[in-house]
Every structure is written in structure tokens, then in C-alpha cells.
Amino acid sequence: MNTPTTKVVAVTGASSGIGEATARRLAADGHSLLLGARRTGRLDALAAEITALGGTAAARRLDVTDAADVQAFVRAARDLYGRVDVLVNNAGIMPLSPLEEARTQEWDRMIDVNLRGVLHGIAAALPLMRDQGGGHIVNVASVGAYEVTPTAAVYCATKFAVRAISEGLRKESAGDVRVTVVSPGVTVSELADHITDAAAREAMRSYRKVAIPAGAIADAIAYAVSQPPEVDVNEIVVRPSASAQ
């Protein structure tokens, strides 16, 4: 696998939280970035800030639930920089609620963003990476990929699925495409802002009192991306040291 030291990285969900922190960290490491998200104002401001600091970044509106849009996003990164070395599938939402409330629209949205969004990213990036002789797909999951908590059944199901898909992709890749799952514990982000159920929202406020900065997850992603071609970091779980969760 031909893996350059400085790489072309496409990041989804890059307008805030872990995606934003990852963009800043990878730009500081010298990588060239294409940043995708729906909130273009924040995305454009981030790309402009990175560029002003001497980094290389561009922004493109992205809806990960739209397979054609994800295909266009990955192609745009290739057209802009000549290749795509890393795709960070980071976009995610977490509208928690008890199953008995049957908030099926929220379930569908989580499946579309958290699961189908990752599959759309893989479908777009994998053929390109194979054609260019290698690449790296980083899927951001959650500690919810390892355990299930009340009100989080559907959210955890999507993250269990991301972990399973990532392991399947790793076994199918035979070393040409590296695959990493990064699973954050409680992290400072806007993820809990999607919760519309009052009881779940209040419980999450208490749960999230102990949280690590998004930069800690960005550091984990940067570590995996920085490894030499013969090293494939498969899974990283990052939790607050003061939390048993």
C-alpha cells in the first residue's frame, strides 16, 4: 500500500464537536482536508480558519443520508487533491427515547445518519481507494457499540452495526484498505441536543456531567491515521477517566 505521510482526508459531520476537532487536529498535522456537513456557514468558517493558520482545507455541503451526495463529496476530494487517503465517517445523531414511545421518525433518522451514512461513505470511498492502491476508513462509533442503556436501544443498535460493518470491511480488505473504529465515551459535543424526550434529555444532562473534550477523540483519530502502512489500528475506545461508563 502506498500511503503518503501527509494525506488527503475527507471528514463528515465536520461543522462541530468531534468532526470539527478532528479537522483542526489533522490540519495541524499537515493533512489536506475536505470538510462536509449540512451547516455550511460553520463549515466555511472552519475551512477559512484552518487556511488562515497555514493549513489546507475546503468545505462542501454534505447530507450523509443521500448516497449520491456522499459519492459527489468523495469525488470532490479526489478532484481537488488528486486522491483520497482517509475518510472519517463521523456524522451522527442521538435522539434518545424509550422504545415504548415509538418515535419511529427519530429511529429512522438515526438509522439513516448513523448507519446508512457510514455505508454510503464506504460505498463511495472503497472503489476509489482500491483503484489508487490503498486508503483508510475511520468510523466513529460510540461506547454504545459495546453496551446498551435505557432509552438508547436504537442509537446503540446503529453503533453496534457500525462496529460490525467495520470488522467485516477489515476482513474483506486484505490489507489494502485500513479500517479503524473509534468509540468515544461521554464527549463534549452537540450530540445530546437532538434529544426531544424530556426525561431522556434530563437523564443525559446528569450522565454528561463528566465529559472529555472533543480534542481527545481527534487525537485518537490522528494516532490511527499516523501509523505506518503495515500497522492497522482496528479499535480505539476513549472514555473519561473519572467515569465508570
Protein backbone atom coordinates (compact mmCIF):
# COMPACT_ATOMS: atom_id res chain seq x y z
CA MET A 1 0.00 0.00 0.00
CA ASN A 2 1.33 3.42 -0.99
CA THR A 3 0.47 5.65 1.99
CA PRO A 4 1.87 9.20 1.93
CA THR A 5 2.98 10.87 5.15
CA THR A 6 0.69 13.83 4.60
CA LYS A 7 -2.68 12.68 3.41
CA VAL A 8 -5.92 13.77 1.84
CA VAL A 9 -8.68 13.37 4.42
CA ALA A 10 -12.43 13.74 3.93
CA VAL A 11 -14.37 14.32 7.17
CA THR A 12 -18.16 14.09 7.53
CA GLY A 13 -20.03 15.89 10.28
CA ALA A 14 -17.20 18.41 10.42
CA SER A 15 -19.13 21.52 11.47
CA SER A 16 -18.98 20.86 15.23
CA GLY A 17 -17.87 18.54 18.02
CA ILE A 18 -15.61 15.63 17.16
CA GLY A 19 -15.66 16.39 13.44
CA GLU A 20 -14.56 19.98 13.97
CA ALA A 21 -11.85 18.96 16.44
CA THR A 22 -10.63 16.27 14.05
CA ALA A 23 -10.40 18.79 11.23
CA ARG A 24 -8.32 21.13 13.35
CA ARG A 25 -6.00 18.37 14.56
CA LEU A 26 -5.44 16.75 11.17
CA ALA A 27 -4.87 20.14 9.52
CA ALA A 28 -2.29 20.93 12.19
CA ASP A 29 -0.59 17.63 11.31
CA GLY A 30 -0.24 18.82 7.72
CA HIS A 31 -3.01 16.85 6.04
CA SER A 32 -5.23 18.30 3.29
CA LEU A 33 -8.91 18.27 4.19
CA LEU A 34 -12.32 18.32 2.59
CA LEU A 35 -14.92 19.04 5.26
CA GLY A 36 -18.55 18.01 4.88
CA ALA A 37 -21.69 18.87 6.84
CA ARG A 38 -25.12 20.40 6.33
CA ARG A 39 -24.37 23.65 8.19
CA THR A 40 -22.35 25.39 5.54
CA GLY A 41 -21.83 28.64 7.44
CA ARG A 42 -19.95 26.93 10.24
CA LEU A 43 -18.18 24.67 7.78
CA ASP A 44 -16.96 27.54 5.61
CA ALA A 45 -15.76 29.44 8.68
CA LEU A 46 -13.78 26.43 9.88
CA ALA A 47 -12.14 25.89 6.49
CA ALA A 48 -11.26 29.59 6.32
CA GLU A 49 -9.76 29.50 9.82
CA ILE A 50 -7.64 26.45 9.00
CA THR A 51 -6.44 28.07 5.80
CA ALA A 52 -5.59 31.32 7.61
CA LEU A 53 -3.43 29.31 10.01
CA GLY A 54 -1.47 27.83 7.13
CA GLY A 55 -3.41 24.59 6.72
CA THR A 56 -5.18 23.20 3.69
CA ALA A 57 -8.94 22.79 3.88
CA ALA A 58 -12.02 23.17 1.73
CA ALA A 59 -15.69 22.79 2.60
CA ARG A 60 -18.65 21.23 0.83
CA ARG A 61 -22.26 20.86 1.92
CA LEU A 62 -22.97 17.21 2.64
CA ASP A 63 -26.02 15.17 3.60
CA VAL A 64 -24.77 11.69 4.50
CA THR A 65 -28.27 10.23 4.16
CA ASP A 66 -28.09 10.93 0.41
CA ALA A 67 -25.91 8.30 -1.26
CA ALA A 68 -25.39 10.39 -4.39
CA ASP A 69 -24.33 13.37 -2.30
CA VAL A 70 -21.74 11.26 -0.47
CA GLN A 71 -20.44 9.95 -3.78
CA ALA A 72 -20.10 13.53 -5.01
CA PHE A 73 -18.35 14.54 -1.77
CA VAL A 74 -15.69 11.86 -2.10
CA ARG A 75 -15.22 12.62 -5.79
CA ALA A 76 -14.83 16.30 -4.93
CA ALA A 77 -11.99 15.46 -2.53
CA ARG A 78 -10.27 13.43 -5.23
CA ASP A 79 -10.79 16.13 -7.86
CA LEU A 80 -9.47 18.80 -5.50
CA TYR A 81 -6.40 16.97 -4.21
CA GLY A 82 -5.80 14.09 -6.64
CA ARG A 83 -6.60 11.25 -4.24
CA VAL A 84 -8.43 10.37 -1.02
CA ASP A 85 -6.29 8.65 1.59
CA VAL A 86 -8.65 8.77 4.58
CA LEU A 87 -12.41 9.00 5.04
CA VAL A 88 -13.59 9.85 8.54
CA ASN A 89 -17.24 8.79 8.85
CA ASN A 90 -18.14 10.97 11.81
CA ALA A 91 -21.66 12.34 11.22
CA GLY A 92 -24.12 11.11 13.85
CA ILE A 93 -27.22 11.97 15.87
CA MET A 94 -28.57 10.71 19.20
CA PRO A 95 -32.28 11.45 19.84
CA LEU A 96 -32.74 9.07 22.78
CA SER A 97 -36.16 7.90 23.97
CA PRO A 98 -37.80 4.78 25.46
CA LEU A 99 -38.90 2.25 22.89
CA GLU A 100 -42.47 2.37 24.22
CA GLU A 101 -42.79 5.92 22.92
CA ALA A 102 -42.42 4.55 19.38
CA ARG A 103 -40.73 7.65 17.99
CA THR A 104 -40.30 5.94 14.66
CA GLN A 105 -39.30 9.07 12.76
CA GLU A 106 -36.39 9.58 15.15
CA TRP A 107 -35.45 5.90 14.85
CA ASP A 108 -35.45 6.20 11.07
CA ARG A 109 -33.33 9.34 11.21
CA MET A 110 -30.74 7.66 13.44
CA ILE A 111 -30.58 4.67 11.11
CA ASP A 112 -30.25 6.97 8.10
CA VAL A 113 -27.48 9.15 9.57
CA ASN A 114 -25.57 6.82 11.89
CA LEU A 115 -25.74 3.64 9.84
CA ARG A 116 -26.66 4.36 6.24
CA GLY A 117 -24.39 7.41 6.32
CA VAL A 118 -21.43 5.18 7.15
CA LEU A 119 -22.40 2.69 4.45
CA HIS A 120 -22.72 5.50 1.92
CA GLY A 121 -19.23 6.65 2.86
CA ILE A 122 -17.78 3.17 2.46
CA ALA A 123 -19.54 2.68 -0.88
CA ALA A 124 -18.16 5.98 -2.16
CA ALA A 125 -14.60 5.67 -0.88
CA LEU A 126 -13.78 1.98 -1.20
CA PRO A 127 -13.61 1.69 -5.01
CA LEU A 128 -11.52 4.86 -5.24
CA MET A 129 -9.12 3.64 -2.54
CA ARG A 130 -8.78 0.27 -4.22
CA ASP A 131 -8.02 1.94 -7.56
CA GLN A 132 -5.33 4.16 -6.06
CA GLY A 133 -3.68 1.29 -4.19
CA GLY A 134 -4.82 1.90 -0.62
CA GLY A 135 -6.64 4.03 1.87
CA HIS A 136 -8.03 4.24 5.37
CA ILE A 137 -11.64 4.37 6.57
CA VAL A 138 -12.20 5.64 10.11
CA ASN A 139 -15.69 5.07 11.50
CA VAL A 140 -16.70 6.97 14.62
CA ALA A 141 -18.91 4.71 16.73
CA SER A 142 -19.51 5.05 20.50
CA VAL A 143 -19.20 3.16 23.75
CA GLY A 144 -22.78 2.42 22.77
CA ALA A 145 -21.28 -0.05 20.29
CA TYR A 146 -20.34 -2.24 23.27
CA GLU A 147 -23.23 -1.79 25.71
CA VAL A 148 -26.91 -0.85 25.70
CA THR A 149 -28.50 1.59 28.12
CA PRO A 150 -32.17 2.51 28.67
CA THR A 151 -33.54 4.99 26.08
CA ALA A 152 -30.53 4.27 23.84
CA ALA A 153 -31.60 0.96 22.26
CA VAL A 154 -31.88 2.24 18.70
CA TYR A 155 -28.85 4.52 18.99
CA CYS A 156 -26.77 1.63 20.35
CA ALA A 157 -28.11 -0.64 17.61
CA THR A 158 -26.76 1.74 14.98
CA LYS A 159 -23.38 1.86 16.70
CA PHE A 160 -23.21 -1.92 17.17
CA ALA A 161 -23.89 -2.11 13.43
CA VAL A 162 -21.11 0.36 12.62
CA ARG A 163 -18.70 -1.77 14.62
CA ALA A 164 -19.87 -4.95 12.86
CA ILE A 165 -19.64 -3.38 9.41
CA SER A 166 -16.17 -2.07 10.19
CA GLU A 167 -14.98 -5.52 11.24
CA GLY A 168 -16.47 -7.03 8.09
CA LEU A 169 -14.76 -4.42 5.95
CA ARG A 170 -11.45 -5.06 7.70
CA LYS A 171 -11.68 -8.79 6.98
CA GLU A 172 -12.57 -8.15 3.35
CA SER A 173 -9.81 -5.61 2.78
CA ALA A 174 -6.77 -7.91 2.93
CA GLY A 175 -4.54 -5.04 4.00
CA ASP A 176 -5.09 -2.64 1.12
CA VAL A 177 -7.63 -0.51 2.98
CA ARG A 178 -7.12 0.01 6.68
CA VAL A 179 -10.19 0.21 8.93
CA THR A 180 -10.44 1.87 12.33
CA VAL A 181 -13.39 2.19 14.71
CA VAL A 182 -13.06 5.00 17.25
CA SER A 183 -15.62 4.74 20.05
CA PRO A 184 -15.97 7.82 22.26
CA GLY A 185 -17.37 7.78 25.76
CA VAL A 186 -19.05 10.94 27.02
CA THR A 187 -17.53 13.75 24.98
CA VAL A 188 -18.27 17.45 24.82
CA SER A 189 -20.40 17.87 21.69
CA GLU A 190 -23.84 18.83 20.43
CA LEU A 191 -24.94 15.20 20.24
CA ALA A 192 -27.36 15.44 23.17
CA ASP A 193 -29.05 18.47 21.60
CA HIS A 194 -31.03 16.10 19.36
CA ILE A 195 -32.90 14.57 22.31
CA THR A 196 -36.58 15.60 22.26
CA ASP A 197 -37.80 13.28 25.03
CA ALA A 198 -37.81 15.35 28.23
CA ALA A 199 -36.92 12.52 30.64
CA ALA A 200 -34.13 11.22 28.41
CA ARG A 201 -32.79 14.74 27.94
CA GLU A 202 -32.66 15.32 31.70
CA ALA A 203 -31.02 11.95 32.34
CA MET A 204 -28.41 12.75 29.71
CA ARG A 205 -27.59 16.08 31.37
CA SER A 206 -26.63 14.15 34.50
CA TYR A 207 -24.83 11.44 32.52
CA ARG A 208 -22.77 14.03 30.66
CA LYS A 209 -21.52 15.94 33.72
CA VAL A 210 -18.21 14.12 33.36
CA ALA A 211 -17.04 14.52 29.78
CA ILE A 212 -13.80 14.66 27.84
CA PRO A 213 -13.08 17.32 25.20
CA ALA A 214 -13.71 16.53 21.55
CA GLY A 215 -9.98 17.03 21.02
CA ALA A 216 -9.30 13.79 22.88
CA ILE A 217 -11.19 11.88 20.20
CA ALA A 218 -9.46 13.87 17.48
CA ASP A 219 -6.12 12.80 19.00
CA ALA A 220 -7.19 9.15 18.80
CA ILE A 221 -8.15 9.53 15.15
CA ALA A 222 -4.87 11.30 14.42
CA TYR A 223 -2.97 8.47 16.08
CA ALA A 224 -4.65 5.84 13.91
CA VAL A 225 -4.14 7.87 10.74
CA SER A 226 -0.46 8.47 11.51
CA GLN A 227 0.56 4.81 11.72
CA PRO A 228 2.82 3.31 9.04
CA PRO A 229 1.18 1.27 6.25
CA GLU A 230 1.87 -2.08 7.89
CA VAL A 231 0.01 -1.07 11.09
CA ASP A 232 -3.80 -1.18 11.15
CA VAL A 233 -5.28 0.21 14.37
CA ASN A 234 -8.65 -1.52 14.43
CA GLU A 235 -10.45 -0.27 17.55
CA ILE A 236 -9.94 2.59 19.98
CA VAL A 237 -12.27 3.22 22.93
CA VAL A 238 -11.82 6.58 24.69
CA ARG A 239 -13.65 7.27 27.95
CA PRO A 240 -13.41 9.91 30.69
CA SER A 241 -11.01 8.58 33.30
CA ALA A 242 -13.38 9.69 36.08
CA SER A 243 -16.34 7.77 34.69
CA ALA A 244 -17.28 4.11 35.08
CA GLN A 245 -19.45 4.33 31.95
